[in-house]
Full PDB file with SEQRES, HELIX, SHEET, SSBOND, CRYST1, ORIGX, SCALE, CONECT and MASTER records, all heavy atoms in Angstrom:
SEQRES   1 A   43  LEU LEU SER HIS ALA TYR GLU ASP LYS ALA PHE PRO ILE          
SEQRES   2 A   43  GLY GLU GLY GLN THR ILE SER GLN PRO TYR THR VAL ALA          
SEQRES   3 A   43  PHE GLN THR GLU LEU LEU ASN ILE HIS PRO GLY GLU LYS          
SEQRES   4 A   43  VAL LEU GLU ILE                                              
HELIX    1 AA1 LEU A    2  HIS A    4  5                                   3    
HELIX    2 AA2 PRO A   22  LEU A   32  1                                  11    
CRYST1    1.000    1.000    1.000  90.00  90.00  90.00 P 1           1          
ORIGX1      1.000000  0.000000  0.000000        0.00000                         
ORIGX2      0.000000  1.000000  0.000000        0.00000                         
ORIGX3      0.000000  0.000000  1.000000        0.00000                         
SCALE1      1.000000  0.000000  0.000000        0.00000                         
SCALE2      0.000000  1.000000  0.000000        0.00000                         
SCALE3      0.000000  0.000000  1.000000        0.00000                         
ATOM      1  N   LEU A   1     -84.145 -82.529 -10.814  1.00  0.00           N  
ATOM      2  CA  LEU A   1     -82.896 -81.771 -11.008  1.00  0.00           C  
ATOM      3  C   LEU A   1     -81.721 -82.639 -11.497  1.00  0.00           C  
ATOM      4  O   LEU A   1     -80.618 -82.180 -11.561  1.00  0.00           O  
ATOM      5  CB  LEU A   1     -82.457 -81.106  -9.722  1.00  0.00           C  
ATOM      6  CG  LEU A   1     -83.379 -79.937  -9.273  1.00  0.00           C  
ATOM      7  CD1 LEU A   1     -82.987 -79.491  -7.899  1.00  0.00           C  
ATOM      8  CD2 LEU A   1     -83.329 -78.764 -10.220  1.00  0.00           C  
ATOM      9  N   LEU A   2     -82.024 -83.915 -11.760  1.00  0.00           N  
ATOM     10  CA  LEU A   2     -80.940 -84.911 -12.044  1.00  0.00           C  
ATOM     11  C   LEU A   2     -79.999 -84.488 -13.158  1.00  0.00           C  
ATOM     12  O   LEU A   2     -78.822 -84.672 -13.087  1.00  0.00           O  
ATOM     13  CB  LEU A   2     -81.578 -86.214 -12.450  1.00  0.00           C  
ATOM     14  CG  LEU A   2     -80.842 -87.496 -12.133  1.00  0.00           C  
ATOM     15  CD1 LEU A   2     -80.412 -87.567 -10.604  1.00  0.00           C  
ATOM     16  CD2 LEU A   2     -81.628 -88.757 -12.519  1.00  0.00           C  
ATOM     17  N   SER A   3     -80.535 -83.811 -14.210  1.00  0.00           N  
ATOM     18  CA  SER A   3     -79.722 -83.453 -15.315  1.00  0.00           C  
ATOM     19  C   SER A   3     -78.643 -82.370 -14.951  1.00  0.00           C  
ATOM     20  O   SER A   3     -77.720 -82.096 -15.713  1.00  0.00           O  
ATOM     21  CB  SER A   3     -80.544 -82.941 -16.502  1.00  0.00           C  
ATOM     22  OG  SER A   3     -81.321 -81.818 -16.120  1.00  0.00           O  
ATOM     23  N   HIS A   4     -78.894 -81.741 -13.786  1.00  0.00           N  
ATOM     24  CA  HIS A   4     -78.018 -80.640 -13.368  1.00  0.00           C  
ATOM     25  C   HIS A   4     -76.912 -81.084 -12.332  1.00  0.00           C  
ATOM     26  O   HIS A   4     -76.169 -80.300 -11.883  1.00  0.00           O  
ATOM     27  CB  HIS A   4     -78.843 -79.512 -12.732  1.00  0.00           C  
ATOM     28  CG  HIS A   4     -79.822 -78.929 -13.668  1.00  0.00           C  
ATOM     29  ND1 HIS A   4     -79.461 -78.060 -14.720  1.00  0.00           N  
ATOM     30  CD2 HIS A   4     -81.209 -79.036 -13.677  1.00  0.00           C  
ATOM     31  CE1 HIS A   4     -80.585 -77.705 -15.309  1.00  0.00           C  
ATOM     32  NE2 HIS A   4     -81.593 -78.250 -14.729  1.00  0.00           N  
ATOM     33  N   ALA A   5     -76.908 -82.389 -12.021  1.00  0.00           N  
ATOM     34  CA  ALA A   5     -76.097 -82.887 -10.917  1.00  0.00           C  
ATOM     35  C   ALA A   5     -74.640 -82.537 -11.054  1.00  0.00           C  
ATOM     36  O   ALA A   5     -73.924 -82.379 -10.049  1.00  0.00           O  
ATOM     37  CB  ALA A   5     -76.329 -84.359 -10.723  1.00  0.00           C  
ATOM     38  N   TYR A   6     -74.124 -82.508 -12.289  1.00  0.00           N  
ATOM     39  CA  TYR A   6     -72.663 -82.283 -12.488  1.00  0.00           C  
ATOM     40  C   TYR A   6     -72.253 -80.927 -12.953  1.00  0.00           C  
ATOM     41  O   TYR A   6     -71.160 -80.690 -13.357  1.00  0.00           O  
ATOM     42  CB  TYR A   6     -72.117 -83.433 -13.388  1.00  0.00           C  
ATOM     43  CG  TYR A   6     -72.203 -84.738 -12.636  1.00  0.00           C  
ATOM     44  CD1 TYR A   6     -73.176 -85.699 -12.997  1.00  0.00           C  
ATOM     45  CD2 TYR A   6     -71.371 -85.070 -11.596  1.00  0.00           C  
ATOM     46  CE1 TYR A   6     -73.350 -86.871 -12.294  1.00  0.00           C  
ATOM     47  CE2 TYR A   6     -71.518 -86.239 -10.887  1.00  0.00           C  
ATOM     48  CZ  TYR A   6     -72.487 -87.166 -11.237  1.00  0.00           C  
ATOM     49  OH  TYR A   6     -72.602 -88.308 -10.516  1.00  0.00           O  
ATOM     50  N   GLU A   7     -73.248 -79.984 -12.821  1.00  0.00           N  
ATOM     51  CA  GLU A   7     -72.908 -78.583 -12.985  1.00  0.00           C  
ATOM     52  C   GLU A   7     -72.202 -78.105 -11.756  1.00  0.00           C  
ATOM     53  O   GLU A   7     -72.471 -78.538 -10.645  1.00  0.00           O  
ATOM     54  CB  GLU A   7     -74.146 -77.804 -13.252  1.00  0.00           C  
ATOM     55  CG  GLU A   7     -74.866 -78.136 -14.564  1.00  0.00           C  
ATOM     56  CD  GLU A   7     -76.189 -77.419 -14.749  1.00  0.00           C  
ATOM     57  OE1 GLU A   7     -76.389 -76.359 -14.053  1.00  0.00           O  
ATOM     58  OE2 GLU A   7     -76.999 -77.827 -15.583  1.00  0.00           O  
ATOM     59  N   ASP A   8     -71.311 -77.150 -11.951  1.00  0.00           N  
ATOM     60  CA  ASP A   8     -70.555 -76.642 -10.821  1.00  0.00           C  
ATOM     61  C   ASP A   8     -71.405 -75.475 -10.153  1.00  0.00           C  
ATOM     62  O   ASP A   8     -70.980 -74.296 -10.172  1.00  0.00           O  
ATOM     63  CB  ASP A   8     -69.175 -76.089 -11.234  1.00  0.00           C  
ATOM     64  CG  ASP A   8     -68.286 -75.772 -10.063  1.00  0.00           C  
ATOM     65  OD1 ASP A   8     -68.474 -76.353  -8.981  1.00  0.00           O  
ATOM     66  OD2 ASP A   8     -67.381 -74.956 -10.229  1.00  0.00           O  
ATOM     67  N   LYS A   9     -72.522 -75.897  -9.597  1.00  0.00           N  
ATOM     68  CA  LYS A   9     -73.438 -74.959  -9.004  1.00  0.00           C  
ATOM     69  C   LYS A   9     -74.096 -75.563  -7.752  1.00  0.00           C  
ATOM     70  O   LYS A   9     -74.114 -76.816  -7.625  1.00  0.00           O  
ATOM     71  CB  LYS A   9     -74.574 -74.637  -9.972  1.00  0.00           C  
ATOM     72  CG  LYS A   9     -74.140 -73.905 -11.237  1.00  0.00           C  
ATOM     73  CD  LYS A   9     -75.357 -73.649 -12.159  1.00  0.00           C  
ATOM     74  CE  LYS A   9     -74.960 -72.992 -13.497  1.00  0.00           C  
ATOM     75  NZ  LYS A   9     -76.141 -72.796 -14.390  1.00  0.00           N  
ATOM     76  N   ALA A  10     -74.569 -74.712  -6.852  1.00  0.00           N  
ATOM     77  CA  ALA A  10     -75.393 -75.183  -5.688  1.00  0.00           C  
ATOM     78  C   ALA A  10     -76.818 -75.311  -6.134  1.00  0.00           C  
ATOM     79  O   ALA A  10     -77.263 -74.661  -7.018  1.00  0.00           O  
ATOM     80  CB  ALA A  10     -75.219 -74.205  -4.563  1.00  0.00           C  
ATOM     81  N   PHE A  11     -77.544 -76.312  -5.535  1.00  0.00           N  
ATOM     82  CA  PHE A  11     -78.914 -76.488  -5.858  1.00  0.00           C  
ATOM     83  C   PHE A  11     -79.762 -76.750  -4.593  1.00  0.00           C  
ATOM     84  O   PHE A  11     -79.184 -77.262  -3.568  1.00  0.00           O  
ATOM     85  CB  PHE A  11     -79.099 -77.704  -6.790  1.00  0.00           C  
ATOM     86  CG  PHE A  11     -78.713 -77.425  -8.240  1.00  0.00           C  
ATOM     87  CD1 PHE A  11     -77.436 -77.715  -8.655  1.00  0.00           C  
ATOM     88  CD2 PHE A  11     -79.599 -76.827  -9.073  1.00  0.00           C  
ATOM     89  CE1 PHE A  11     -77.060 -77.415  -9.975  1.00  0.00           C  
ATOM     90  CE2 PHE A  11     -79.241 -76.519 -10.342  1.00  0.00           C  
ATOM     91  CZ  PHE A  11     -77.972 -76.815 -10.751  1.00  0.00           C  
ATOM     92  N   PRO A  12     -81.013 -76.409  -4.557  1.00  0.00           N  
ATOM     93  CA  PRO A  12     -81.831 -76.533  -3.377  1.00  0.00           C  
ATOM     94  C   PRO A  12     -82.093 -78.031  -3.060  1.00  0.00           C  
ATOM     95  O   PRO A  12     -82.237 -78.860  -3.977  1.00  0.00           O  
ATOM     96  CB  PRO A  12     -83.154 -75.866  -3.751  1.00  0.00           C  
ATOM     97  CG  PRO A  12     -83.185 -75.837  -5.226  1.00  0.00           C  
ATOM     98  CD  PRO A  12     -81.715 -75.738  -5.658  1.00  0.00           C  
ATOM     99  N   ILE A  13     -82.213 -78.354  -1.779  1.00  0.00           N  
ATOM    100  CA  ILE A  13     -82.471 -79.742  -1.370  1.00  0.00           C  
ATOM    101  C   ILE A  13     -83.674 -79.755  -0.430  1.00  0.00           C  
ATOM    102  O   ILE A  13     -83.979 -80.732   0.183  1.00  0.00           O  
ATOM    103  CB  ILE A  13     -81.294 -80.402  -0.691  1.00  0.00           C  
ATOM    104  CG1 ILE A  13     -80.812 -79.606   0.576  1.00  0.00           C  
ATOM    105  CG2 ILE A  13     -80.142 -80.625  -1.641  1.00  0.00           C  
ATOM    106  CD1 ILE A  13     -79.772 -80.270   1.449  1.00  0.00           C  
ATOM    107  N   GLY A  14     -84.378 -78.642  -0.359  1.00  0.00           N  
ATOM    108  CA  GLY A  14     -85.531 -78.545   0.557  1.00  0.00           C  
ATOM    109  C   GLY A  14     -85.130 -77.949   1.920  1.00  0.00           C  
ATOM    110  O   GLY A  14     -83.954 -77.835   2.236  1.00  0.00           O  
ATOM    111  N   GLU A  15     -86.148 -77.547   2.688  1.00  0.00           N  
ATOM    112  CA  GLU A  15     -85.916 -77.076   4.032  1.00  0.00           C  
ATOM    113  C   GLU A  15     -85.089 -75.754   4.046  1.00  0.00           C  
ATOM    114  O   GLU A  15     -84.413 -75.447   5.025  1.00  0.00           O  
ATOM    115  CB  GLU A  15     -85.299 -78.114   4.996  1.00  0.00           C  
ATOM    116  CG  GLU A  15     -86.089 -79.405   5.070  1.00  0.00           C  
ATOM    117  CD  GLU A  15     -87.477 -79.158   5.723  1.00  0.00           C  
ATOM    118  OE1 GLU A  15     -87.506 -78.519   6.772  1.00  0.00           O  
ATOM    119  OE2 GLU A  15     -88.437 -79.629   5.160  1.00  0.00           O  
ATOM    120  N   GLY A  16     -85.061 -75.010   2.878  1.00  0.00           N  
ATOM    121  CA  GLY A  16     -84.295 -73.816   2.795  1.00  0.00           C  
ATOM    122  C   GLY A  16     -82.834 -74.039   2.722  1.00  0.00           C  
ATOM    123  O   GLY A  16     -82.025 -73.099   2.904  1.00  0.00           O  
ATOM    124  N   GLN A  17     -82.386 -75.292   2.444  1.00  0.00           N  
ATOM    125  CA  GLN A  17     -80.917 -75.630   2.382  1.00  0.00           C  
ATOM    126  C   GLN A  17     -80.564 -76.008   0.963  1.00  0.00           C  
ATOM    127  O   GLN A  17     -81.338 -76.161   0.062  1.00  0.00           O  
ATOM    128  CB  GLN A  17     -80.688 -76.784   3.313  1.00  0.00           C  
ATOM    129  CG  GLN A  17     -81.127 -76.574   4.778  1.00  0.00           C  
ATOM    130  CD  GLN A  17     -80.406 -75.413   5.425  1.00  0.00           C  
ATOM    131  OE1 GLN A  17     -79.197 -75.443   5.564  1.00  0.00           O  
ATOM    132  NE2 GLN A  17     -81.196 -74.444   5.915  1.00  0.00           N  
ATOM    133  N   THR A  18     -79.211 -76.062   0.756  1.00  0.00           N  
ATOM    134  CA  THR A  18     -78.713 -76.397  -0.575  1.00  0.00           C  
ATOM    135  C   THR A  18     -77.639 -77.509  -0.486  1.00  0.00           C  
ATOM    136  O   THR A  18     -77.053 -77.719   0.574  1.00  0.00           O  
ATOM    137  CB  THR A  18     -78.080 -75.158  -1.258  1.00  0.00           C  
ATOM    138  OG1 THR A  18     -76.949 -74.733  -0.363  1.00  0.00           O  
ATOM    139  CG2 THR A  18     -79.065 -74.009  -1.393  1.00  0.00           C  
ATOM    140  N   ILE A  19     -77.406 -78.193  -1.626  1.00  0.00           N  
ATOM    141  CA  ILE A  19     -76.233 -78.982  -1.819  1.00  0.00           C  
ATOM    142  C   ILE A  19     -75.209 -77.996  -2.373  1.00  0.00           C  
ATOM    143  O   ILE A  19     -75.466 -77.328  -3.322  1.00  0.00           O  
ATOM    144  CB  ILE A  19     -76.449 -80.191  -2.705  1.00  0.00           C  
ATOM    145  CG1 ILE A  19     -75.142 -80.988  -2.848  1.00  0.00           C  
ATOM    146  CG2 ILE A  19     -77.070 -79.806  -4.045  1.00  0.00           C  
ATOM    147  CD1 ILE A  19     -75.341 -82.331  -3.527  1.00  0.00           C  
ATOM    148  N   SER A  20     -74.058 -77.936  -1.736  1.00  0.00           N  
ATOM    149  CA  SER A  20     -73.011 -76.902  -2.077  1.00  0.00           C  
ATOM    150  C   SER A  20     -72.505 -77.115  -3.482  1.00  0.00           C  
ATOM    151  O   SER A  20     -72.499 -78.224  -4.007  1.00  0.00           O  
ATOM    152  CB  SER A  20     -71.888 -76.939  -1.096  1.00  0.00           C  
ATOM    153  OG  SER A  20     -72.309 -76.450   0.141  1.00  0.00           O  
ATOM    154  N   GLN A  21     -72.040 -76.024  -4.064  1.00  0.00           N  
ATOM    155  CA  GLN A  21     -71.322 -76.066  -5.355  1.00  0.00           C  
ATOM    156  C   GLN A  21     -70.097 -77.038  -5.216  1.00  0.00           C  
ATOM    157  O   GLN A  21     -69.370 -76.957  -4.178  1.00  0.00           O  
ATOM    158  CB  GLN A  21     -70.858 -74.706  -5.686  1.00  0.00           C  
ATOM    159  CG  GLN A  21     -70.033 -74.534  -6.965  1.00  0.00           C  
ATOM    160  CD  GLN A  21     -69.518 -73.114  -7.167  1.00  0.00           C  
ATOM    161  OE1 GLN A  21     -69.781 -72.228  -6.318  1.00  0.00           O  
ATOM    162  NE2 GLN A  21     -68.744 -72.934  -8.191  1.00  0.00           N  
ATOM    163  N   PRO A  22     -69.836 -77.897  -6.188  1.00  0.00           N  
ATOM    164  CA  PRO A  22     -68.725 -78.815  -6.080  1.00  0.00           C  
ATOM    165  C   PRO A  22     -67.359 -78.093  -5.798  1.00  0.00           C  
ATOM    166  O   PRO A  22     -66.580 -78.606  -4.978  1.00  0.00           O  
ATOM    167  CB  PRO A  22     -68.700 -79.502  -7.434  1.00  0.00           C  
ATOM    168  CG  PRO A  22     -70.134 -79.512  -7.846  1.00  0.00           C  
ATOM    169  CD  PRO A  22     -70.720 -78.214  -7.368  1.00  0.00           C  
ATOM    170  N   TYR A  23     -67.184 -76.982  -6.439  1.00  0.00           N  
ATOM    171  CA  TYR A  23     -65.935 -76.259  -6.192  1.00  0.00           C  
ATOM    172  C   TYR A  23     -65.763 -75.847  -4.707  1.00  0.00           C  
ATOM    173  O   TYR A  23     -64.717 -75.951  -4.119  1.00  0.00           O  
ATOM    174  CB  TYR A  23     -65.788 -74.999  -7.074  1.00  0.00           C  
ATOM    175  CG  TYR A  23     -64.607 -74.124  -6.681  1.00  0.00           C  
ATOM    176  CD1 TYR A  23     -63.294 -74.560  -6.943  1.00  0.00           C  
ATOM    177  CD2 TYR A  23     -64.809 -72.913  -5.999  1.00  0.00           C  
ATOM    178  CE1 TYR A  23     -62.216 -73.740  -6.589  1.00  0.00           C  
ATOM    179  CE2 TYR A  23     -63.732 -72.158  -5.644  1.00  0.00           C  
ATOM    180  CZ  TYR A  23     -62.438 -72.561  -5.922  1.00  0.00           C  
ATOM    181  OH  TYR A  23     -61.354 -71.784  -5.543  1.00  0.00           O  
ATOM    182  N   THR A  24     -66.907 -75.409  -4.132  1.00  0.00           N  
ATOM    183  CA  THR A  24     -66.855 -75.013  -2.705  1.00  0.00           C  
ATOM    184  C   THR A  24     -66.543 -76.185  -1.835  1.00  0.00           C  
ATOM    185  O   THR A  24     -65.749 -76.122  -0.844  1.00  0.00           O  
ATOM    186  CB  THR A  24     -68.233 -74.406  -2.310  1.00  0.00           C  
ATOM    187  OG1 THR A  24     -68.547 -73.346  -3.159  1.00  0.00           O  
ATOM    188  CG2 THR A  24     -68.228 -73.983  -0.873  1.00  0.00           C  
ATOM    189  N   VAL A  25     -67.152 -77.364  -2.104  1.00  0.00           N  
ATOM    190  CA  VAL A  25     -66.874 -78.546  -1.386  1.00  0.00           C  
ATOM    191  C   VAL A  25     -65.396 -78.964  -1.522  1.00  0.00           C  
ATOM    192  O   VAL A  25     -64.731 -79.234  -0.509  1.00  0.00           O  
ATOM    193  CB  VAL A  25     -67.735 -79.731  -1.853  1.00  0.00           C  
ATOM    194  CG1 VAL A  25     -67.349 -81.064  -1.190  1.00  0.00           C  
ATOM    195  CG2 VAL A  25     -69.236 -79.437  -1.597  1.00  0.00           C  
ATOM    196  N   ALA A  26     -64.871 -78.884  -2.723  1.00  0.00           N  
ATOM    197  CA  ALA A  26     -63.461 -79.242  -2.957  1.00  0.00           C  
ATOM    198  C   ALA A  26     -62.520 -78.268  -2.302  1.00  0.00           C  
ATOM    199  O   ALA A  26     -61.532 -78.626  -1.684  1.00  0.00           O  
ATOM    200  CB  ALA A  26     -63.199 -79.267  -4.444  1.00  0.00           C  
ATOM    201  N   PHE A  27     -62.841 -77.001  -2.364  1.00  0.00           N  
ATOM    202  CA  PHE A  27     -62.025 -75.912  -1.711  1.00  0.00           C  
ATOM    203  C   PHE A  27     -61.928 -76.113  -0.251  1.00  0.00           C  
ATOM    204  O   PHE A  27     -60.826 -76.096   0.385  1.00  0.00           O  
ATOM    205  CB  PHE A  27     -62.583 -74.555  -2.098  1.00  0.00           C  
ATOM    206  CG  PHE A  27     -61.657 -73.443  -1.678  1.00  0.00           C  
ATOM    207  CD1 PHE A  27     -60.586 -73.074  -2.494  1.00  0.00           C  
ATOM    208  CD2 PHE A  27     -61.879 -72.700  -0.525  1.00  0.00           C  
ATOM    209  CE1 PHE A  27     -59.742 -72.034  -2.090  1.00  0.00           C  
ATOM    210  CE2 PHE A  27     -61.042 -71.681  -0.151  1.00  0.00           C  
ATOM    211  CZ  PHE A  27     -59.977 -71.319  -0.981  1.00  0.00           C  
ATOM    212  N   GLN A  28     -63.051 -76.258   0.388  1.00  0.00           N  
ATOM    213  CA  GLN A  28     -63.058 -76.453   1.885  1.00  0.00           C  
ATOM    214  C   GLN A  28     -62.297 -77.735   2.248  1.00  0.00           C  
ATOM    215  O   GLN A  28     -61.538 -77.762   3.224  1.00  0.00           O  
ATOM    216  CB  GLN A  28     -64.473 -76.561   2.435  1.00  0.00           C  
ATOM    217  CG  GLN A  28     -65.195 -75.193   2.570  1.00  0.00           C  
ATOM    218  CD  GLN A  28     -66.380 -75.312   3.494  1.00  0.00           C  
ATOM    219  OE1 GLN A  28     -67.412 -75.849   3.037  1.00  0.00           O  
ATOM    220  NE2 GLN A  28     -66.271 -74.714   4.651  1.00  0.00           N  
ATOM    221  N   THR A  29     -62.505 -78.782   1.489  1.00  0.00           N  
ATOM    222  CA  THR A  29     -61.874 -80.078   1.805  1.00  0.00           C  
ATOM    223  C   THR A  29     -60.364 -79.947   1.644  1.00  0.00           C  
ATOM    224  O   THR A  29     -59.580 -80.494   2.418  1.00  0.00           O  
ATOM    225  CB  THR A  29     -62.432 -81.182   0.845  1.00  0.00           C  
ATOM    226  OG1 THR A  29     -63.827 -81.219   0.994  1.00  0.00           O  
ATOM    227  CG2 THR A  29     -61.874 -82.511   1.200  1.00  0.00           C  
ATOM    228  N   GLU A  30     -59.910 -79.206   0.622  1.00  0.00           N  
ATOM    229  CA  GLU A  30     -58.501 -79.055   0.399  1.00  0.00           C  
ATOM    230  C   GLU A  30     -57.856 -78.281   1.595  1.00  0.00           C  
ATOM    231  O   GLU A  30     -56.710 -78.593   2.039  1.00  0.00           O  
ATOM    232  CB  GLU A  30     -58.226 -78.371  -0.953  1.00  0.00           C  
ATOM    233  CG  GLU A  30     -56.833 -78.529  -1.443  1.00  0.00           C  
ATOM    234  CD  GLU A  30     -56.685 -78.202  -2.973  1.00  0.00           C  
ATOM    235  OE1 GLU A  30     -56.912 -77.041  -3.299  1.00  0.00           O  
ATOM    236  OE2 GLU A  30     -56.331 -79.091  -3.698  1.00  0.00           O  
ATOM    237  N   LEU A  31     -58.548 -77.280   2.075  1.00  0.00           N  
ATOM    238  CA  LEU A  31     -58.054 -76.499   3.241  1.00  0.00           C  
ATOM    239  C   LEU A  31     -57.929 -77.343   4.502  1.00  0.00           C  
ATOM    240  O   LEU A  31     -57.034 -77.209   5.302  1.00  0.00           O  
ATOM    241  CB  LEU A  31     -58.982 -75.328   3.520  1.00  0.00           C  
ATOM    242  CG  LEU A  31     -59.008 -74.161   2.535  1.00  0.00           C  
ATOM    243  CD1 LEU A  31     -59.916 -73.078   3.030  1.00  0.00           C  
ATOM    244  CD2 LEU A  31     -57.570 -73.540   2.303  1.00  0.00           C  
ATOM    245  N   LEU A  32     -58.776 -78.405   4.598  1.00  0.00           N  
ATOM    246  CA  LEU A  32     -58.753 -79.272   5.748  1.00  0.00           C  
ATOM    247  C   LEU A  32     -57.532 -80.176   5.789  1.00  0.00           C  
ATOM    248  O   LEU A  32     -57.057 -80.597   6.842  1.00  0.00           O  
ATOM    249  CB  LEU A  32     -60.023 -80.135   5.799  1.00  0.00           C  
ATOM    250  CG  LEU A  32     -61.302 -79.526   6.362  1.00  0.00           C  
ATOM    251  CD1 LEU A  32     -62.408 -80.567   6.247  1.00  0.00           C  
ATOM    252  CD2 LEU A  32     -61.144 -79.091   7.803  1.00  0.00           C  
ATOM    253  N   ASN A  33     -57.022 -80.483   4.561  1.00  0.00           N  
ATOM    254  CA  ASN A  33     -55.844 -81.362   4.498  1.00  0.00           C  
ATOM    255  C   ASN A  33     -56.072 -82.678   5.221  1.00  0.00           C  
ATOM    256  O   ASN A  33     -55.325 -83.050   6.196  1.00  0.00           O  
ATOM    257  CB  ASN A  33     -54.603 -80.647   5.010  1.00  0.00           C  
ATOM    258  CG  ASN A  33     -53.324 -81.431   4.731  1.00  0.00           C  
ATOM    259  OD1 ASN A  33     -53.249 -82.122   3.754  1.00  0.00           O  
ATOM    260  ND2 ASN A  33     -52.294 -81.234   5.555  1.00  0.00           N  
ATOM    261  N   ILE A  34     -57.089 -83.437   4.805  1.00  0.00           N  
ATOM    262  CA  ILE A  34     -57.513 -84.659   5.427  1.00  0.00           C  
ATOM    263  C   ILE A  34     -56.477 -85.774   5.283  1.00  0.00           C  
ATOM    264  O   ILE A  34     -55.989 -85.998   4.165  1.00  0.00           O  
ATOM    265  CB  ILE A  34     -58.878 -85.150   4.927  1.00  0.00           C  
ATOM    266  CG1 ILE A  34     -59.996 -84.126   5.184  1.00  0.00           C  
ATOM    267  CG2 ILE A  34     -59.218 -86.508   5.368  1.00  0.00           C  
ATOM    268  CD1 ILE A  34     -60.276 -83.983   6.659  1.00  0.00           C  
ATOM    269  N   HIS A  35     -56.181 -86.543   6.333  1.00  0.00           N  
ATOM    270  CA  HIS A  35     -55.433 -87.773   6.291  1.00  0.00           C  
ATOM    271  C   HIS A  35     -56.316 -88.917   6.748  1.00  0.00           C  
ATOM    272  O   HIS A  35     -57.152 -88.679   7.647  1.00  0.00           O  
ATOM    273  CB  HIS A  35     -54.233 -87.623   7.201  1.00  0.00           C  
ATOM    274  CG  HIS A  35     -53.221 -86.585   6.759  1.00  0.00           C  
ATOM    275  ND1 HIS A  35     -53.234 -85.308   7.233  1.00  0.00           N  
ATOM    276  CD2 HIS A  35     -52.218 -86.648   5.832  1.00  0.00           C  
ATOM    277  CE1 HIS A  35     -52.268 -84.636   6.676  1.00  0.00           C  
ATOM    278  NE2 HIS A  35     -51.629 -85.414   5.803  1.00  0.00           N  
ATOM    279  N   PRO A  36     -56.170 -90.062   6.148  1.00  0.00           N  
ATOM    280  CA  PRO A  36     -57.012 -91.244   6.545  1.00  0.00           C  
ATOM    281  C   PRO A  36     -56.951 -91.464   8.062  1.00  0.00           C  
ATOM    282  O   PRO A  36     -55.871 -91.408   8.629  1.00  0.00           O  
ATOM    283  CB  PRO A  36     -56.383 -92.401   5.749  1.00  0.00           C  
ATOM    284  CG  PRO A  36     -55.784 -91.686   4.548  1.00  0.00           C  
ATOM    285  CD  PRO A  36     -55.238 -90.393   5.040  1.00  0.00           C  
ATOM    286  N   GLY A  37     -58.124 -91.756   8.605  1.00  0.00           N  
ATOM    287  CA  GLY A  37     -58.215 -92.062  10.037  1.00  0.00           C  
ATOM    288  C   GLY A  37     -58.427 -90.863  10.943  1.00  0.00           C  
ATOM    289  O   GLY A  37     -58.695 -91.033  12.146  1.00  0.00           O  
ATOM    290  N   GLU A  38     -58.368 -89.672  10.380  1.00  0.00           N  
ATOM    291  CA  GLU A  38     -58.559 -88.492  11.215  1.00  0.00           C  
ATOM    292  C   GLU A  38     -59.994 -88.324  11.618  1.00  0.00           C  
ATOM    293  O   GLU A  38     -60.938 -88.667  10.882  1.00  0.00           O  
ATOM    294  CB  GLU A  38     -58.115 -87.216  10.489  1.00  0.00           C  
ATOM    295  CG  GLU A  38     -56.615 -87.051  10.434  1.00  0.00           C  
ATOM    296  CD  GLU A  38     -56.161 -85.731   9.779  1.00  0.00           C  
ATOM    297  OE1 GLU A  38     -56.819 -85.258   8.914  1.00  0.00           O  
ATOM    298  OE2 GLU A  38     -55.117 -85.234  10.266  1.00  0.00           O  
ATOM    299  N   LYS A  39     -60.222 -87.832  12.813  1.00  0.00           N  
ATOM    300  CA  LYS A  39     -61.534 -87.606  13.371  1.00  0.00           C  
ATOM    301  C   LYS A  39     -62.018 -86.250  12.988  1.00  0.00           C  
ATOM    302  O   LYS A  39     -61.377 -85.268  13.414  1.00  0.00           O  
ATOM    303  CB  LYS A  39     -61.543 -87.837  14.884  1.00  0.00           C  
ATOM    304  CG  LYS A  39     -62.904 -87.816  15.545  1.00  0.00           C  
ATOM    305  CD  LYS A  39     -62.728 -88.087  17.073  1.00  0.00           C  
ATOM    306  CE  LYS A  39     -64.085 -88.184  17.783  1.00  0.00           C  
ATOM    307  NZ  LYS A  39     -63.889 -88.438  19.193  1.00  0.00           N  
ATOM    308  N   VAL A  40     -63.074 -86.196  12.134  1.00  0.00           N  
ATOM    309  CA  VAL A  40     -63.481 -84.923  11.626  1.00  0.00           C  
ATOM    310  C   VAL A  40     -64.955 -84.660  12.012  1.00  0.00           C  
ATOM    311  O   VAL A  40     -65.837 -85.483  11.960  1.00  0.00           O  
ATOM    312  CB  VAL A  40     -63.448 -84.968  10.087  1.00  0.00           C  
ATOM    313  CG1 VAL A  40     -63.915 -83.627   9.447  1.00  0.00           C  
ATOM    314  CG2 VAL A  40     -62.000 -85.273   9.611  1.00  0.00           C  
ATOM    315  N   LEU A  41     -65.189 -83.396  12.475  1.00  0.00           N  
ATOM    316  CA  LEU A  41     -66.556 -82.942  12.787  1.00  0.00           C  
ATOM    317  C   LEU A  41     -67.013 -82.003  11.666  1.00  0.00           C  
ATOM    318  O   LEU A  41     -66.359 -81.074  11.318  1.00  0.00           O  
ATOM    319  CB  LEU A  41     -66.516 -82.155  14.106  1.00  0.00           C  
ATOM    320  CG  LEU A  41     -67.877 -81.457  14.503  1.00  0.00           C  
ATOM    321  CD1 LEU A  41     -68.980 -82.424  14.660  1.00  0.00           C  
ATOM    322  CD2 LEU A  41     -67.671 -80.667  15.763  1.00  0.00           C  
ATOM    323  N   GLU A  42     -68.204 -82.422  11.084  1.00  0.00           N  
ATOM    324  CA  GLU A  42     -68.852 -81.557  10.093  1.00  0.00           C  
ATOM    325  C   GLU A  42     -70.048 -80.890  10.714  1.00  0.00           C  
ATOM    326  O   GLU A  42     -70.919 -81.545  11.291  1.00  0.00           O  
ATOM    327  CB  GLU A  42     -69.273 -82.412   8.864  1.00  0.00           C  
ATOM    328  CG  GLU A  42     -69.994 -81.576   7.858  1.00  0.00           C  
ATOM    329  CD  GLU A  42     -70.720 -82.364   6.817  1.00  0.00           C  
ATOM    330  OE1 GLU A  42     -71.253 -83.465   7.157  1.00  0.00           O  
ATOM    331  OE2 GLU A  42     -70.822 -81.927   5.650  1.00  0.00           O  
ATOM    332  N   ILE A  43     -70.076 -79.570  10.605  1.00  0.00           N  
ATOM    333  CA  ILE A  43     -71.252 -78.792  11.082  1.00  0.00           C  
ATOM    334  C   ILE A  43     -72.172 -78.518   9.881  1.00  0.00           C  
ATOM    335  O   ILE A  43     -71.841 -77.734   9.029  1.00  0.00           O  
ATOM    336  CB  ILE A  43     -70.802 -77.470  11.730  1.00  0.00           C  
ATOM    337  CG1 ILE A  43     -69.732 -77.718  12.830  1.00  0.00           C  
ATOM    338  CG2 ILE A  43     -72.053 -76.731  12.356  1.00  0.00           C  
ATOM    339  CD1 ILE A  43     -70.093 -78.606  13.919  1.00  0.00           C  
TER     340      ILE A  43                                                      
MASTER        0    0    0    2    0    0    0    6  339    1    0    4          
END                                                                             
């Protein structure tokens, strides 16, 4: 799937899971408003 890595799409990574669409990652991250040093839990 290497040639698709920079498409703005989600792709399967096995085990029924996906690597999220880049926009989704960016959108969630922007909502978090991260500052350096903050303790963050990712589920």
